[in-house]
Protein backbone atom coordinates (compact mmCIF):
# COMPACT_ATOMS: atom_id res chain seq x y z
CA UNK A 1 101.44 61.45 75.57
CA UNK A 2 99.09 63.41 74.29
CA UNK A 3 100.05 67.47 73.25
CA UNK A 4 98.30 69.81 74.16
CA UNK A 5 98.61 73.52 75.73
CA UNK A 6 100.92 74.39 78.20
CA UNK A 7 100.03 74.02 81.34
CA UNK A 8 101.86 73.96 85.31
CA UNK A 9 100.99 72.12 87.70
CA UNK A 10 100.81 73.52 91.50
CA UNK A 11 102.03 71.55 94.62
CA UNK A 12 101.69 72.78 97.88
CA UNK A 13 103.98 70.90 100.65
CA UNK A 14 104.44 71.52 103.98
CA UNK A 15 106.21 69.42 107.39
CA UNK A 16 103.43 67.45 108.32
CA UNK A 17 103.15 65.50 104.68
CA UNK A 18 104.53 61.76 103.94
CA UNK A 19 106.91 61.42 101.73
CA UNK A 20 105.22 58.63 100.07
CA UNK A 21 102.14 60.04 99.52
CA UNK A 22 104.14 62.72 98.17
CA UNK A 23 106.48 60.74 95.65
CA UNK A 24 102.85 58.76 94.40
CA UNK A 25 101.05 62.16 94.15
CA UNK A 26 104.08 63.95 92.15
CA UNK A 27 104.38 60.78 89.81
CA UNK A 28 100.46 60.78 89.05
CA UNK A 29 100.64 64.62 87.32
CA UNK A 30 103.67 63.76 85.57
CA UNK A 31 104.79 60.20 84.60
CA UNK A 32 101.11 59.18 84.95
CA UNK A 33 99.65 61.32 82.76
CA UNK A 34 97.89 60.99 79.18
CA UNK A 35 98.35 65.27 79.29
CA UNK A 36 102.40 65.62 80.82
CA UNK A 37 102.25 69.32 82.54
CA UNK A 38 104.81 71.55 80.92
CA UNK A 39 106.06 72.30 84.03
CA UNK A 40 105.46 71.13 87.85
CA UNK A 41 105.47 74.16 90.80
CA UNK A 42 105.64 72.81 94.49
CA UNK A 43 106.24 75.42 97.23
CA UNK A 44 107.50 74.29 100.34
CA UNK A 45 105.99 75.81 102.54
CA UNK A 46 108.69 76.50 105.66
CA UNK A 47 110.91 74.18 106.77
CA UNK A 48 110.23 69.91 106.73
CA UNK A 49 111.27 67.27 108.21
CA UNK A 50 114.62 65.71 106.54
CA UNK A 51 112.77 62.29 104.62
CA UNK A 52 110.49 64.90 103.70
CA UNK A 53 113.71 66.75 101.79
CA UNK A 54 115.43 64.32 100.78
CA UNK A 55 112.47 63.05 98.53
CA UNK A 56 111.64 66.39 97.94
CA UNK A 57 115.06 66.66 96.42
CA UNK A 58 114.61 63.06 94.81
CA UNK A 59 111.48 64.63 92.86
CA UNK A 60 112.66 67.85 91.64
CA UNK A 61 115.64 65.97 89.10
CA UNK A 62 114.08 62.65 88.63
CA UNK A 63 110.63 62.92 85.90
CA UNK A 64 111.90 64.66 83.02
CA UNK A 65 109.53 67.23 83.47
CA UNK A 66 110.76 70.77 84.14
CA UNK A 67 110.30 71.71 88.36
CA UNK A 68 110.62 74.69 90.32
CA UNK A 69 110.91 74.90 94.12
CA UNK A 70 109.41 77.18 96.09
CA UNK A 71 111.06 77.18 99.20
CA UNK A 72 109.35 79.61 101.69
CA UNK A 73 111.93 80.08 105.09
CA UNK A 74 108.82 80.19 107.14
CA UNK A 75 105.85 77.83 107.39
CA UNK A 76 102.81 80.81 106.30
CA UNK A 77 99.94 79.09 105.28
CA UNK A 78 98.41 77.43 102.57
CA UNK A 79 96.55 80.52 100.76
CA UNK A 80 100.14 82.23 101.06
CA UNK A 81 102.23 79.55 100.42
CA UNK A 82 99.59 79.28 96.84
CA UNK A 83 100.01 83.01 96.03
CA UNK A 84 104.12 82.19 96.32
CA UNK A 85 103.64 79.44 93.58
CA UNK A 86 101.54 81.12 91.34
CA UNK A 87 104.09 83.52 91.23
CA UNK A 88 106.67 80.92 90.22
CA UNK A 89 104.19 79.46 87.46
CA UNK A 90 105.47 79.56 84.22
CA UNK A 91 102.20 79.32 82.41
CA UNK A 92 98.68 81.04 81.81
CA UNK A 93 96.91 77.42 82.87
CA UNK A 94 97.68 76.04 85.75
CA UNK A 95 96.18 72.58 87.77
CA UNK A 96 96.24 72.24 91.62
CA UNK A 97 97.73 69.07 93.47
CA UNK A 98 97.55 68.41 96.43
CA UNK A 99 100.77 66.05 98.27
CA UNK A 100 98.95 63.34 99.24
CA UNK A 101 96.26 63.36 96.72
CA UNK A 102 96.21 60.90 93.21
CA UNK A 103 95.02 62.26 89.56
CA UNK A 104 94.71 59.27 87.75
CA UNK A 105 95.88 59.41 83.88
CA UNK A 106 93.10 60.92 81.88
CA UNK A 107 92.82 64.20 84.08
CA UNK A 108 94.85 66.79 82.41
CA UNK A 109 94.03 65.72 79.35
CA UNK A 110 89.46 66.31 80.19
CA UNK A 111 90.66 69.67 81.67
CA UNK A 112 93.34 71.74 80.40
CA UNK A 113 91.48 71.86 76.75
CA UNK A 114 88.62 72.95 78.48
CA UNK A 115 90.20 76.24 80.17
CA UNK A 116 92.45 76.48 76.54
CA UNK A 117 88.89 77.11 75.11
CA UNK A 118 88.05 79.72 77.03
CA UNK A 119 86.93 78.39 80.70
CA UNK A 120 88.45 79.85 83.55
CA UNK A 121 88.24 77.06 86.18
CA UNK A 122 87.19 73.81 85.31
CA UNK A 123 86.47 71.09 88.69
CA UNK A 124 85.98 67.30 88.53
CA UNK A 125 83.87 64.98 90.56
CA UNK A 126 86.65 63.46 94.18
CA UNK A 127 86.83 60.03 94.64
CA UNK A 128 88.09 59.31 98.73
CA UNK A 129 89.64 56.47 100.39
CA UNK A 130 91.50 56.41 102.94
CA UNK A 131 94.27 53.58 101.81
CA UNK A 132 95.33 52.96 98.33
CA UNK A 133 95.00 49.42 99.29
CA UNK A 134 90.88 50.53 98.56
CA UNK A 135 91.09 52.42 96.15
CA UNK A 136 91.59 50.24 92.36
CA UNK A 137 94.05 51.47 90.08
CA UNK A 138 91.37 52.28 87.55
CA UNK A 139 89.23 54.85 90.56
CA UNK A 140 87.05 52.35 91.62
CA UNK A 141 85.27 52.21 95.16
CA UNK A 142 85.22 54.75 97.79
CA UNK A 143 82.75 57.56 98.60
CA UNK A 144 82.46 60.09 95.10
CA UNK A 145 81.75 63.96 95.47
CA UNK A 146 80.02 65.29 92.53
CA UNK A 147 80.43 69.03 92.62
CA UNK A 148 77.43 71.15 90.41
CA UNK A 149 78.56 70.44 86.97
CA UNK A 150 76.17 73.45 84.66
CA UNK A 151 77.23 77.49 85.66
CA UNK A 152 74.47 77.94 86.66
CA UNK A 153 74.09 75.11 89.00
CA UNK A 154 77.04 76.07 90.09
CA UNK A 155 76.89 79.74 90.87
CA UNK A 156 73.71 78.98 92.46
CA UNK A 157 75.21 76.60 94.61
CA UNK A 158 77.97 78.78 95.85
CA UNK A 159 76.04 80.61 97.99
CA UNK A 160 76.04 77.69 100.26
CA UNK A 161 78.97 76.19 99.62
CA UNK A 162 82.71 75.90 97.67
CA UNK A 163 81.28 74.57 94.27
CA UNK A 164 83.93 73.16 93.85
CA UNK A 165 86.51 70.35 95.04
CA UNK A 166 89.50 72.58 95.48
CA UNK A 167 92.46 69.61 94.77
CA UNK A 168 90.41 69.24 91.16
CA UNK A 169 90.58 72.42 89.95
CA UNK A 170 92.08 73.51 86.44
CA UNK A 171 92.35 77.87 86.29
CA UNK A 172 93.57 80.25 84.33
CA UNK A 173 95.76 82.65 86.33
CA UNK A 174 94.63 85.76 84.88
CA UNK A 175 90.61 85.03 86.37
CA UNK A 176 92.24 83.87 90.10
CA UNK A 177 94.38 87.16 89.69
CA UNK A 178 91.23 89.79 88.84
CA UNK A 179 89.36 87.99 92.03
CA UNK A 180 92.73 89.07 94.37
CA UNK A 181 94.25 85.79 94.62
CA UNK A 182 94.29 83.58 97.54
CA UNK A 183 93.67 85.72 100.67
CA UNK A 184 94.46 84.13 103.75
CA UNK A 185 90.78 82.81 105.80
CA UNK A 186 92.30 79.51 107.09
CA UNK A 187 90.51 76.44 105.65
CA UNK A 188 87.86 78.79 103.57
CA UNK A 189 90.60 80.35 101.44
CA UNK A 190 89.54 77.79 97.88
CA UNK A 191 85.25 78.77 99.25
CA UNK A 192 86.80 82.54 99.21
CA UNK A 193 88.84 82.73 96.02
CA UNK A 194 85.93 81.08 94.40
CA UNK A 195 83.02 83.49 95.35
CA UNK A 196 85.02 86.56 93.83
CA UNK A 197 86.11 84.86 90.73
CA UNK A 198 82.57 83.53 90.28
CA UNK A 199 80.95 86.95 91.32
CA UNK A 200 83.09 88.09 88.50
CA UNK A 201 82.20 86.58 85.68
CA UNK A 202 84.10 83.24 85.38
CA UNK A 203 82.84 80.63 83.21
CA UNK A 204 82.81 78.01 85.27
CA UNK A 205 82.18 74.05 84.56
CA UNK A 206 82.59 70.82 86.80
CA UNK A 207 83.53 67.50 84.56
CA UNK A 208 80.83 64.87 86.79
CA UNK A 209 83.60 62.39 86.20
CA UNK A 210 85.70 61.62 89.22
CA UNK A 211 89.73 62.14 88.13
CA UNK A 212 90.72 62.84 91.15
CA UNK A 213 91.26 60.23 94.50
CA UNK A 214 91.68 62.20 97.40
CA UNK A 215 93.34 61.01 100.49
CA UNK A 216 90.93 60.62 103.77
CA UNK A 217 93.51 60.84 106.93
CA UNK A 218 92.69 59.87 110.75
CA UNK A 219 92.06 63.80 111.09
CA UNK A 220 89.42 64.25 108.01
CA UNK A 221 86.58 64.77 110.07
CA UNK A 222 88.04 66.64 113.07
CA UNK A 223 89.29 69.03 111.15
CA UNK A 224 85.91 69.73 109.71
CA UNK A 225 84.80 71.02 112.66
CA UNK A 226 85.86 73.45 116.02
CA UNK A 227 86.21 76.64 117.07
CA UNK A 228 88.92 77.88 114.74
CA UNK A 229 87.34 76.94 111.91
CA UNK A 230 84.08 77.93 113.18
CA UNK A 231 85.96 81.81 113.21
CA UNK A 232 86.49 81.18 109.80
CA UNK A 233 83.16 80.20 109.22
CA UNK A 234 82.12 83.51 110.11
CA UNK A 235 84.28 85.52 108.77
CA UNK A 236 84.15 83.66 105.01
CA UNK A 237 80.06 84.11 105.76
CA UNK A 238 80.92 88.24 106.45
CA UNK A 239 83.02 88.80 103.68
CA UNK A 240 80.15 87.15 100.83
CA UNK A 241 77.65 89.09 102.12
CA UNK A 242 80.41 92.34 102.22
CA UNK A 243 81.38 91.58 98.90
CA UNK A 244 77.55 91.25 97.72
CA UNK A 245 77.79 87.86 97.13
CA UNK A 246 74.73 86.33 99.57
CA UNK A 247 71.81 89.20 100.90
CA UNK A 248 71.67 88.98 104.77
CA UNK A 249 69.37 86.11 105.48
CA UNK A 250 71.47 83.83 103.13
CA UNK A 251 74.71 84.89 106.00
CA UNK A 252 71.81 83.71 108.74
CA UNK A 253 71.16 80.75 107.44
CA UNK A 254 74.51 79.94 106.41
CA UNK A 255 76.13 80.59 109.60
CA UNK A 256 73.21 78.81 111.70
CA UNK A 257 73.35 75.89 108.88
CA UNK A 258 77.37 75.42 108.69
CA UNK A 259 78.32 77.06 111.59
CA UNK A 260 75.89 74.86 113.20
CA UNK A 261 77.79 71.41 111.91
CA UNK A 262 81.06 72.94 113.29
CA UNK A 263 80.11 72.37 116.50
CA UNK A 264 78.39 68.96 116.73
CA UNK A 265 80.66 65.77 118.15
CA UNK A 266 83.03 64.18 115.19
CA UNK A 267 81.16 61.60 114.95
CA UNK A 268 78.00 62.77 114.30
CA UNK A 269 79.47 65.06 111.27
CA UNK A 270 81.53 61.58 110.54
CA UNK A 271 77.97 60.06 110.02
CA UNK A 272 76.06 63.49 108.77
CA UNK A 273 78.82 63.83 105.82
CA UNK A 274 79.40 60.70 104.99
CA UNK A 275 75.83 60.70 104.42
CA UNK A 276 75.40 63.90 102.86
CA UNK A 277 78.18 63.09 100.28
CA UNK A 278 77.07 59.66 99.10
CA UNK A 279 73.96 61.61 98.09
CA UNK A 280 75.39 63.78 96.19
CA UNK A 281 73.78 65.61 93.41
CA UNK A 282 74.96 67.73 90.55
CA UNK A 283 71.40 70.13 91.68
CA UNK A 284 73.68 72.55 93.28
CA UNK A 285 70.89 72.00 96.16
CA UNK A 286 71.99 73.62 99.37
CA UNK A 287 71.47 70.29 101.52
CA UNK A 288 75.00 70.02 102.84
CA UNK A 289 78.01 72.33 103.92
CA UNK A 290 81.79 71.78 103.07
């Protein structure tokens, strides 16, 4: 068990999460880590089914790591749930984790020291999987999504796409707070936060190795399209331009390319996404939407 800077893990849960996926995710960021967190903050975003509630109760006292359970009376959505969770974090360094993903054992040992040394946000590549039988325990197999790696490439790429894989990030809480925290923007709250952090000069880096196994469920591709996401996309681009983060020309390009991607049939979107992600490179070239 490696000893390092104390940090919190922020893990939101809502009624649609699978109890066994949550258990596997939780174990992967506690007993399964080389560098163990000093706290896990689990945000229960509104009421959950009985089976999920039982799993939450079991996990809170079972791992030897202090767990803070922030229970919200109503489902408020990811952005506001994360804000509530950040308020409950006891440590300046915070690692994000989703309830259906799996962090590899070396994840925090690789990322936390970089934030402790002065960076504001550190992400990593992630490896997609549809079932745990498809991905080996060492993380082999599956499609790897590699984000832009250097500060320069992160800044460049962020004018077109989110430069971090949200479930992989470890950040400095003060940098998130200074940028205004998470703001409600359905399915785009992470990109909007990262853009504001970078606009304020956040020191950033991504690691090329996949440190998180990202579960691709049945609805993964449908969630990347549709009228609701298109509305969020248009609003995001408006906010980025008003922030001065993008130009009017970039706003028009992004709405045309990223917005158009939201409207194509799901089968086309699936094929295009797989092709783009299989050819991800760390150069930050703006050739695919998130």
